[in-house]
Amino acid sequence: MGECSQTRSQKMPPDVQDQFGHELFLVQVGEKPDSAEPLKGLGARVLELVEDHDGDTYRAVYTVRFEGAVYVLHCFQKKSRRGIATSRQDIALITARLKDAEAHHAQKYGDKAKEVE
């Protein structure tokens, strides 16, 4: 599936890493960052953070779909200069990683695993 989200996020500028790190910390303690917006087409519990830095745009996509866990599904620099839509390739990767997160959560929590409404 290519690089993991952690590896890709480490290639982002330090200021972007710091901002995403802070916002994801807020998510872990039950808050919703001001910049978090649902990613269209994947439901209200899959959200994206967007940061602009030196003329480039960076995104971090995560889910709070599963009780007791925050899964970062993808971090990337938006390459397209046209439009704001997320590429089909990125959506396919996010969808695959969401399925992996569901399987991981079910394996880790077993019968206790449940989705958050």
N, C-alpha and C. Protein backbone atom coordinates (compact mmCIF):
# COMPACT_ATOMS: atom_id res chain seq x y z
N MET A 1 0.82 -1.21 0.00
CA MET A 1 0.00 0.00 0.00
C MET A 1 0.85 1.26 0.00
N GLY A 2 2.15 1.13 -0.08
CA GLY A 2 2.99 2.31 -0.07
C GLY A 2 3.38 2.70 1.33
N GLU A 3 3.81 3.94 1.45
CA GLU A 3 4.27 4.43 2.74
C GLU A 3 3.12 4.53 3.74
N CYS A 4 3.44 4.32 5.02
CA CYS A 4 2.43 4.47 6.05
C CYS A 4 2.23 5.96 6.35
N SER A 5 1.13 6.28 7.00
CA SER A 5 0.81 7.68 7.31
C SER A 5 1.90 8.32 8.15
N GLN A 6 2.47 7.57 9.08
CA GLN A 6 3.50 8.13 9.95
C GLN A 6 4.73 8.52 9.13
N THR A 7 5.16 7.66 8.23
CA THR A 7 6.32 7.96 7.40
C THR A 7 6.07 9.18 6.53
N ARG A 8 4.89 9.25 5.94
CA ARG A 8 4.57 10.38 5.07
C ARG A 8 4.47 11.67 5.87
N SER A 9 3.91 11.61 7.08
CA SER A 9 3.79 12.83 7.88
C SER A 9 5.15 13.35 8.30
N GLN A 10 6.13 12.45 8.46
CA GLN A 10 7.47 12.87 8.86
C GLN A 10 8.19 13.60 7.74
N LYS A 11 7.69 13.50 6.52
CA LYS A 11 8.27 14.21 5.40
C LYS A 11 7.64 15.59 5.21
N MET A 12 6.65 15.91 6.02
CA MET A 12 6.01 17.21 5.95
C MET A 12 6.85 18.23 6.71
N PRO A 13 6.65 19.53 6.40
CA PRO A 13 7.39 20.56 7.14
C PRO A 13 7.10 20.46 8.65
N PRO A 14 8.09 20.75 9.48
CA PRO A 14 7.91 20.65 10.94
C PRO A 14 6.70 21.43 11.46
N ASP A 15 6.42 22.61 10.90
CA ASP A 15 5.26 23.38 11.37
C ASP A 15 3.95 22.65 11.10
N VAL A 16 3.87 21.97 9.97
CA VAL A 16 2.67 21.20 9.62
C VAL A 16 2.57 19.98 10.54
N GLN A 17 3.69 19.30 10.77
CA GLN A 17 3.69 18.17 11.69
C GLN A 17 3.21 18.60 13.07
N ASP A 18 3.71 19.73 13.55
CA ASP A 18 3.31 20.23 14.88
C ASP A 18 1.81 20.52 14.93
N GLN A 19 1.30 21.17 13.89
CA GLN A 19 -0.13 21.52 13.88
C GLN A 19 -0.99 20.27 13.83
N PHE A 20 -0.66 19.32 12.94
CA PHE A 20 -1.42 18.08 12.88
C PHE A 20 -1.31 17.31 14.19
N GLY A 21 -0.12 17.27 14.76
CA GLY A 21 0.08 16.58 16.04
C GLY A 21 -0.80 17.16 17.14
N HIS A 22 -0.85 18.49 17.22
CA HIS A 22 -1.69 19.15 18.23
C HIS A 22 -3.17 18.84 17.99
N GLU A 23 -3.59 18.95 16.74
CA GLU A 23 -5.00 18.70 16.43
C GLU A 23 -5.39 17.24 16.69
N LEU A 24 -4.50 16.31 16.38
CA LEU A 24 -4.79 14.90 16.64
C LEU A 24 -4.79 14.60 18.14
N PHE A 25 -3.97 15.33 18.91
CA PHE A 25 -4.03 15.21 20.37
C PHE A 25 -5.41 15.64 20.87
N LEU A 26 -5.92 16.74 20.33
CA LEU A 26 -7.26 17.19 20.73
C LEU A 26 -8.30 16.11 20.45
N VAL A 27 -8.17 15.46 19.31
CA VAL A 27 -9.10 14.37 18.95
C VAL A 27 -9.01 13.25 19.98
N GLN A 28 -7.79 12.89 20.38
CA GLN A 28 -7.59 11.80 21.33
C GLN A 28 -8.23 12.10 22.68
N VAL A 29 -8.30 13.36 23.06
CA VAL A 29 -8.90 13.71 24.35
C VAL A 29 -10.38 14.09 24.21
N GLY A 30 -10.96 13.77 23.03
CA GLY A 30 -12.40 13.92 22.86
C GLY A 30 -12.87 15.24 22.31
N GLU A 31 -11.97 16.07 21.84
CA GLU A 31 -12.37 17.36 21.27
C GLU A 31 -12.31 17.28 19.75
N LYS A 32 -12.99 18.22 19.10
CA LYS A 32 -12.94 18.29 17.64
C LYS A 32 -12.22 19.58 17.26
N PRO A 33 -11.08 19.45 16.57
CA PRO A 33 -10.36 20.66 16.14
C PRO A 33 -11.23 21.52 15.24
N ASP A 34 -11.04 22.83 15.31
CA ASP A 34 -11.83 23.75 14.49
C ASP A 34 -11.68 23.46 13.00
N SER A 35 -10.51 22.98 12.60
CA SER A 35 -10.26 22.76 11.17
C SER A 35 -10.76 21.42 10.66
N ALA A 36 -11.25 20.55 11.53
CA ALA A 36 -11.70 19.21 11.11
C ALA A 36 -13.02 19.30 10.36
N GLU A 37 -13.04 18.66 9.20
CA GLU A 37 -14.24 18.60 8.37
C GLU A 37 -14.43 17.17 7.89
N PRO A 38 -15.69 16.70 7.80
CA PRO A 38 -15.91 15.36 7.25
C PRO A 38 -15.38 15.25 5.83
N LEU A 39 -14.78 14.12 5.52
CA LEU A 39 -14.29 13.88 4.16
C LEU A 39 -15.49 13.37 3.35
N LYS A 40 -15.83 14.07 2.32
CA LYS A 40 -17.03 13.76 1.53
C LYS A 40 -16.99 12.33 1.02
N GLY A 41 -18.12 11.64 1.19
CA GLY A 41 -18.27 10.30 0.65
C GLY A 41 -17.89 9.17 1.59
N LEU A 42 -17.30 9.49 2.76
CA LEU A 42 -16.87 8.43 3.66
C LEU A 42 -17.56 8.48 5.02
N GLY A 43 -18.56 9.31 5.16
CA GLY A 43 -19.31 9.36 6.39
C GLY A 43 -18.80 10.44 7.34
N ALA A 44 -19.63 10.75 8.32
CA ALA A 44 -19.35 11.84 9.24
C ALA A 44 -18.21 11.54 10.21
N ARG A 45 -17.82 10.28 10.35
CA ARG A 45 -16.79 9.91 11.33
C ARG A 45 -15.41 9.75 10.69
N VAL A 46 -15.29 10.10 9.42
CA VAL A 46 -13.98 10.17 8.75
C VAL A 46 -13.76 11.65 8.43
N LEU A 47 -12.73 12.20 9.06
CA LEU A 47 -12.52 13.65 8.98
C LEU A 47 -11.15 13.97 8.42
N GLU A 48 -11.03 15.20 7.92
CA GLU A 48 -9.73 15.62 7.42
C GLU A 48 -9.34 16.95 8.04
N LEU A 49 -8.04 17.08 8.25
CA LEU A 49 -7.43 18.31 8.69
C LEU A 49 -6.68 18.87 7.49
N VAL A 50 -6.72 20.18 7.31
CA VAL A 50 -6.05 20.81 6.18
C VAL A 50 -5.16 21.92 6.70
N GLU A 51 -3.92 21.92 6.24
CA GLU A 51 -2.96 22.97 6.61
C GLU A 51 -2.31 23.51 5.35
N ASP A 52 -2.24 24.83 5.26
CA ASP A 52 -1.52 25.48 4.18
C ASP A 52 -0.18 25.96 4.73
N HIS A 53 0.88 25.73 3.95
CA HIS A 53 2.22 26.12 4.40
C HIS A 53 3.08 26.44 3.18
N ASP A 54 3.59 27.65 3.14
CA ASP A 54 4.47 28.08 2.04
C ASP A 54 3.90 27.77 0.67
N GLY A 55 2.62 28.02 0.49
CA GLY A 55 1.99 27.82 -0.81
C GLY A 55 1.56 26.40 -1.11
N ASP A 56 1.84 25.47 -0.20
CA ASP A 56 1.43 24.08 -0.39
C ASP A 56 0.32 23.73 0.59
N THR A 57 -0.47 22.74 0.23
CA THR A 57 -1.56 22.29 1.09
C THR A 57 -1.30 20.86 1.51
N TYR A 58 -1.47 20.60 2.81
CA TYR A 58 -1.25 19.28 3.39
C TYR A 58 -2.54 18.83 4.05
N ARG A 59 -2.77 17.51 4.01
CA ARG A 59 -3.98 16.96 4.61
C ARG A 59 -3.64 15.76 5.48
N ALA A 60 -4.41 15.61 6.54
CA ALA A 60 -4.34 14.41 7.39
C ALA A 60 -5.77 13.92 7.53
N VAL A 61 -6.00 12.66 7.22
CA VAL A 61 -7.34 12.07 7.28
C VAL A 61 -7.34 11.04 8.41
N TYR A 62 -8.35 11.11 9.26
CA TYR A 62 -8.44 10.20 10.40
C TYR A 62 -9.89 9.79 10.62
N THR A 63 -10.07 8.75 11.43
CA THR A 63 -11.42 8.34 11.77
C THR A 63 -11.58 8.20 13.27
N VAL A 64 -12.75 8.56 13.72
CA VAL A 64 -13.17 8.35 15.12
C VAL A 64 -14.38 7.42 15.12
N ARG A 65 -14.46 6.58 14.10
CA ARG A 65 -15.59 5.68 13.92
C ARG A 65 -15.65 4.59 14.99
N PHE A 66 -14.50 4.25 15.58
CA PHE A 66 -14.42 3.12 16.50
C PHE A 66 -14.19 3.57 17.92
N GLU A 67 -14.96 3.01 18.83
CA GLU A 67 -14.89 3.40 20.24
C GLU A 67 -13.48 3.20 20.80
N GLY A 68 -12.98 4.24 21.48
CA GLY A 68 -11.70 4.16 22.17
C GLY A 68 -10.48 4.24 21.29
N ALA A 69 -10.65 4.63 20.03
CA ALA A 69 -9.49 4.66 19.12
C ALA A 69 -9.62 5.79 18.12
N VAL A 70 -8.46 6.34 17.76
CA VAL A 70 -8.35 7.29 16.66
C VAL A 70 -7.36 6.68 15.68
N TYR A 71 -7.79 6.47 14.47
CA TYR A 71 -6.92 5.92 13.44
C TYR A 71 -6.60 7.00 12.41
N VAL A 72 -5.32 7.29 12.22
CA VAL A 72 -4.89 8.19 11.15
C VAL A 72 -4.78 7.33 9.89
N LEU A 73 -5.56 7.68 8.89
CA LEU A 73 -5.67 6.85 7.69
C LEU A 73 -4.71 7.28 6.58
N HIS A 74 -4.42 8.57 6.51
CA HIS A 74 -3.57 9.04 5.41
C HIS A 74 -3.12 10.47 5.71
N CYS A 75 -1.87 10.77 5.40
CA CYS A 75 -1.32 12.12 5.45
C CYS A 75 -0.64 12.36 4.11
N PHE A 76 -0.90 13.52 3.51
CA PHE A 76 -0.33 13.75 2.19
C PHE A 76 -0.32 15.23 1.85
N GLN A 77 0.54 15.55 0.88
CA GLN A 77 0.57 16.89 0.31
C GLN A 77 -0.33 16.87 -0.91
N LYS A 78 -1.25 17.80 -0.97
CA LYS A 78 -2.14 17.88 -2.13
C LYS A 78 -1.33 18.37 -3.31
N LYS A 79 -1.34 17.58 -4.38
CA LYS A 79 -0.52 17.90 -5.54
C LYS A 79 -1.26 18.74 -6.58
N SER A 80 -2.53 18.48 -6.76
CA SER A 80 -3.29 19.15 -7.82
C SER A 80 -3.45 20.63 -7.51
N ARG A 81 -3.29 21.43 -8.51
CA ARG A 81 -3.50 22.87 -8.39
C ARG A 81 -4.92 23.26 -8.80
N ARG A 82 -5.66 22.26 -9.32
CA ARG A 82 -7.02 22.54 -9.77
C ARG A 82 -8.01 21.92 -8.80
N GLY A 83 -8.91 22.71 -8.30
CA GLY A 83 -9.98 22.21 -7.44
C GLY A 83 -9.49 21.82 -6.05
N ILE A 84 -10.45 21.46 -5.21
CA ILE A 84 -10.12 21.08 -3.84
C ILE A 84 -10.40 19.61 -3.57
N ALA A 85 -10.91 18.91 -4.57
CA ALA A 85 -11.29 17.50 -4.38
C ALA A 85 -10.07 16.63 -4.12
N THR A 86 -10.27 15.62 -3.29
CA THR A 86 -9.24 14.63 -3.01
C THR A 86 -9.20 13.65 -4.18
N SER A 87 -8.01 13.28 -4.62
CA SER A 87 -7.88 12.42 -5.80
C SER A 87 -8.50 11.05 -5.55
N ARG A 88 -8.88 10.39 -6.63
CA ARG A 88 -9.45 9.04 -6.54
C ARG A 88 -8.45 8.07 -5.92
N GLN A 89 -7.18 8.24 -6.26
CA GLN A 89 -6.13 7.37 -5.71
C GLN A 89 -6.05 7.54 -4.19
N ASP A 90 -6.11 8.77 -3.71
CA ASP A 90 -6.07 9.00 -2.26
C ASP A 90 -7.32 8.45 -1.58
N ILE A 91 -8.48 8.63 -2.21
CA ILE A 91 -9.74 8.10 -1.64
C ILE A 91 -9.67 6.58 -1.57
N ALA A 92 -9.14 5.94 -2.60
CA ALA A 92 -9.02 4.47 -2.60
C ALA A 92 -8.10 4.02 -1.47
N LEU A 93 -7.00 4.71 -1.26
CA LEU A 93 -6.07 4.37 -0.18
C LEU A 93 -6.73 4.57 1.18
N ILE A 94 -7.44 5.67 1.35
CA ILE A 94 -8.13 5.95 2.61
C ILE A 94 -9.18 4.88 2.89
N THR A 95 -9.94 4.50 1.86
CA THR A 95 -10.97 3.47 2.01
C THR A 95 -10.35 2.14 2.42
N ALA A 96 -9.25 1.77 1.79
CA ALA A 96 -8.57 0.51 2.13
C ALA A 96 -8.05 0.56 3.57
N ARG A 97 -7.49 1.68 3.96
CA ARG A 97 -6.97 1.79 5.32
C ARG A 97 -8.09 1.83 6.35
N LEU A 98 -9.25 2.35 5.98
CA LEU A 98 -10.41 2.33 6.88
C LEU A 98 -10.85 0.89 7.12
N LYS A 99 -10.85 0.08 6.08
CA LYS A 99 -11.18 -1.34 6.24
C LYS A 99 -10.15 -2.04 7.12
N ASP A 100 -8.87 -1.71 6.93
CA ASP A 100 -7.81 -2.27 7.78
C ASP A 100 -8.01 -1.85 9.23
N ALA A 101 -8.39 -0.60 9.45
CA ALA A 101 -8.63 -0.10 10.82
C ALA A 101 -9.79 -0.85 11.46
N GLU A 102 -10.83 -1.10 10.69
CA GLU A 102 -11.99 -1.84 11.20
C GLU A 102 -11.57 -3.25 11.62
N ALA A 103 -10.78 -3.91 10.77
CA ALA A 103 -10.31 -5.26 11.08
C ALA A 103 -9.39 -5.25 12.31
N HIS A 104 -8.50 -4.27 12.38
CA HIS A 104 -7.60 -4.16 13.53
C HIS A 104 -8.39 -3.94 14.82
N HIS A 105 -9.35 -3.05 14.77
CA HIS A 105 -10.15 -2.74 15.96
C HIS A 105 -10.93 -3.96 16.42
N ALA A 106 -11.51 -4.69 15.47
CA ALA A 106 -12.27 -5.90 15.82
C ALA A 106 -11.35 -6.96 16.43
N GLN A 107 -10.14 -7.09 15.86
CA GLN A 107 -9.19 -8.06 16.39
C GLN A 107 -8.72 -7.67 17.79
N LYS A 108 -8.45 -6.39 17.98
CA LYS A 108 -7.93 -5.93 19.27
C LYS A 108 -8.99 -5.96 20.37
N TYR A 109 -10.21 -5.57 20.03
CA TYR A 109 -11.25 -5.44 21.05
C TYR A 109 -12.28 -6.56 21.02
N GLY A 110 -12.23 -7.42 20.00
CA GLY A 110 -13.12 -8.57 19.93
C GLY A 110 -14.58 -8.21 20.06
N ASP A 111 -15.27 -8.92 20.97
CA ASP A 111 -16.72 -8.70 21.16
C ASP A 111 -17.03 -7.31 21.68
N LYS A 112 -16.06 -6.64 22.26
CA LYS A 112 -16.27 -5.29 22.80
C LYS A 112 -16.23 -4.24 21.69
N ALA A 113 -15.72 -4.64 20.51
CA ALA A 113 -15.57 -3.68 19.41
C ALA A 113 -16.92 -3.19 18.94
N LYS A 114 -17.03 -1.89 18.85
CA LYS A 114 -18.25 -1.33 18.27
C LYS A 114 -17.95 0.02 17.67
N GLU A 115 -18.76 0.35 16.70
CA GLU A 115 -18.63 1.65 16.07
C GLU A 115 -19.33 2.68 16.91
N VAL A 116 -18.78 3.89 16.89
CA VAL A 116 -19.39 5.02 17.58
C VAL A 116 -20.48 5.58 16.68
N GLU A 117 -21.60 5.87 17.25
CA GLU A 117 -22.72 6.42 16.46
C GLU A 117 -22.47 7.86 16.11
